[in-house]
């Protein structure tokens, strides 16, 4: 029975979805450490609505390379995670339909 549990754990750990979630969590942690999100939100709340796009562009353009890379990784993994989950469940849904 231990072999079954070991194989199940290996399959779960080697799952691409779990890997993407881990990458997203690491990128989110890096982003949180480098950017004071509460201060950015506070500044945005005090700004007129017409200046928000300019402020967002300025914040992104003045960001460091690591911050921008973390933001890019978070966006990429968030957008591709839906595709991974769909392809992971699709064969099971087809077998249930037949």
Protein backbone atom coordinates (compact mmCIF):
# COMPACT_ATOMS: atom_id res chain seq x y z
CA UNK A 1 0.00 0.00 0.00
CA UNK A 2 2.94 2.30 0.64
CA UNK A 3 3.90 1.99 -3.01
CA UNK A 4 0.46 3.20 -4.07
CA UNK A 5 0.71 6.26 -1.83
CA UNK A 6 4.22 6.97 -3.06
CA UNK A 7 3.13 6.80 -6.69
CA UNK A 8 0.12 9.02 -5.98
CA UNK A 9 2.30 11.60 -4.21
CA UNK A 10 4.82 11.53 -7.08
CA UNK A 11 2.03 12.04 -9.61
CA UNK A 12 0.56 14.96 -7.68
CA UNK A 13 3.95 16.62 -7.15
CA UNK A 14 4.93 16.23 -10.80
CA UNK A 15 1.66 17.76 -11.99
CA UNK A 16 2.13 20.80 -14.26
CA UNK A 17 -0.72 22.59 -12.49
CA UNK A 18 1.00 22.28 -9.12
CA UNK A 19 4.24 23.49 -10.67
CA UNK A 20 2.49 26.53 -12.12
CA UNK A 21 0.84 27.29 -8.79
CA UNK A 22 4.22 27.09 -7.07
CA UNK A 23 5.78 29.44 -9.64
CA UNK A 24 2.86 31.85 -9.18
CA UNK A 25 3.25 31.77 -5.39
CA UNK A 26 6.99 32.49 -5.61
CA UNK A 27 6.42 35.36 -8.05
CA UNK A 28 3.68 36.77 -5.83
CA UNK A 29 5.96 36.63 -2.81
CA UNK A 30 8.75 38.41 -4.67
CA UNK A 31 6.32 41.03 -5.94
CA UNK A 32 4.88 41.57 -2.47
CA UNK A 33 8.35 42.07 -0.98
CA UNK A 34 9.44 44.57 -3.64
CA UNK A 35 6.26 46.64 -4.04
CA UNK A 36 4.38 48.38 -1.27
CA UNK A 37 0.94 47.51 -2.61
CA UNK A 38 -0.91 49.27 0.22
CA UNK A 39 0.95 52.52 -0.48
CA UNK A 40 0.24 52.27 -4.21
CA UNK A 41 -3.47 51.67 -3.54
CA UNK A 42 -3.57 54.57 -1.07
CA UNK A 43 -2.02 56.88 -3.65
CA UNK A 44 -4.45 55.67 -6.30
CA UNK A 45 -7.44 56.32 -4.05
CA UNK A 46 -6.38 59.95 -3.55
CA UNK A 47 -5.81 60.57 -7.26
CA UNK A 48 -8.42 61.87 -9.73
CA UNK A 49 -9.88 59.15 -11.91
CA UNK A 50 -8.63 60.74 -15.13
CA UNK A 51 -4.97 60.39 -14.01
CA UNK A 52 -5.12 56.70 -13.05
CA UNK A 53 -3.93 55.28 -16.41
CA UNK A 54 -0.98 57.68 -16.44
CA UNK A 55 -0.13 56.77 -12.84
CA UNK A 56 -0.32 53.03 -13.55
CA UNK A 57 1.95 53.40 -16.59
CA UNK A 58 4.43 55.48 -14.59
CA UNK A 59 4.53 52.94 -11.76
CA UNK A 60 5.11 50.06 -14.17
CA UNK A 61 7.75 51.91 -16.21
CA UNK A 62 9.72 52.97 -13.11
CA UNK A 63 9.69 49.47 -11.68
CA UNK A 64 12.81 47.40 -11.33
CA UNK A 65 13.54 44.49 -13.65
CA UNK A 66 12.86 41.90 -10.93
CA UNK A 67 9.50 43.49 -10.13
CA UNK A 68 8.49 43.57 -13.77
CA UNK A 69 9.66 39.99 -14.26
CA UNK A 70 7.63 38.84 -11.24
CA UNK A 71 4.57 40.67 -12.56
CA UNK A 72 5.05 39.09 -16.00
CA UNK A 73 5.40 35.60 -14.52
CA UNK A 74 2.25 36.10 -12.44
CA UNK A 75 0.25 37.25 -15.46
CA UNK A 76 1.55 34.43 -17.67
CA UNK A 77 0.85 31.70 -15.10
CA UNK A 78 -2.58 33.10 -14.27
CA UNK A 79 -3.57 33.14 -17.93
CA UNK A 80 -2.14 29.72 -18.77
CA UNK A 81 -3.45 28.01 -15.63
CA UNK A 82 -6.99 27.94 -16.98
CA UNK A 83 -5.77 26.12 -20.10
CA UNK A 84 -3.82 23.58 -18.00
CA UNK A 85 -6.79 22.80 -15.79
CA UNK A 86 -9.08 22.44 -18.79
CA UNK A 87 -6.72 20.02 -20.54
CA UNK A 88 -6.21 18.10 -17.32
CA UNK A 89 -9.94 17.51 -16.79
CA UNK A 90 -10.98 17.12 -20.42
CA UNK A 91 -10.12 13.39 -20.82
CA UNK A 92 -12.01 12.58 -17.61
CA UNK A 93 -15.05 14.55 -18.76
CA UNK A 94 -15.06 12.73 -22.11
CA UNK A 95 -14.98 9.35 -20.41
CA UNK A 96 -17.89 10.37 -18.19
CA UNK A 97 -19.94 11.52 -21.18
CA UNK A 98 -19.66 8.20 -23.00
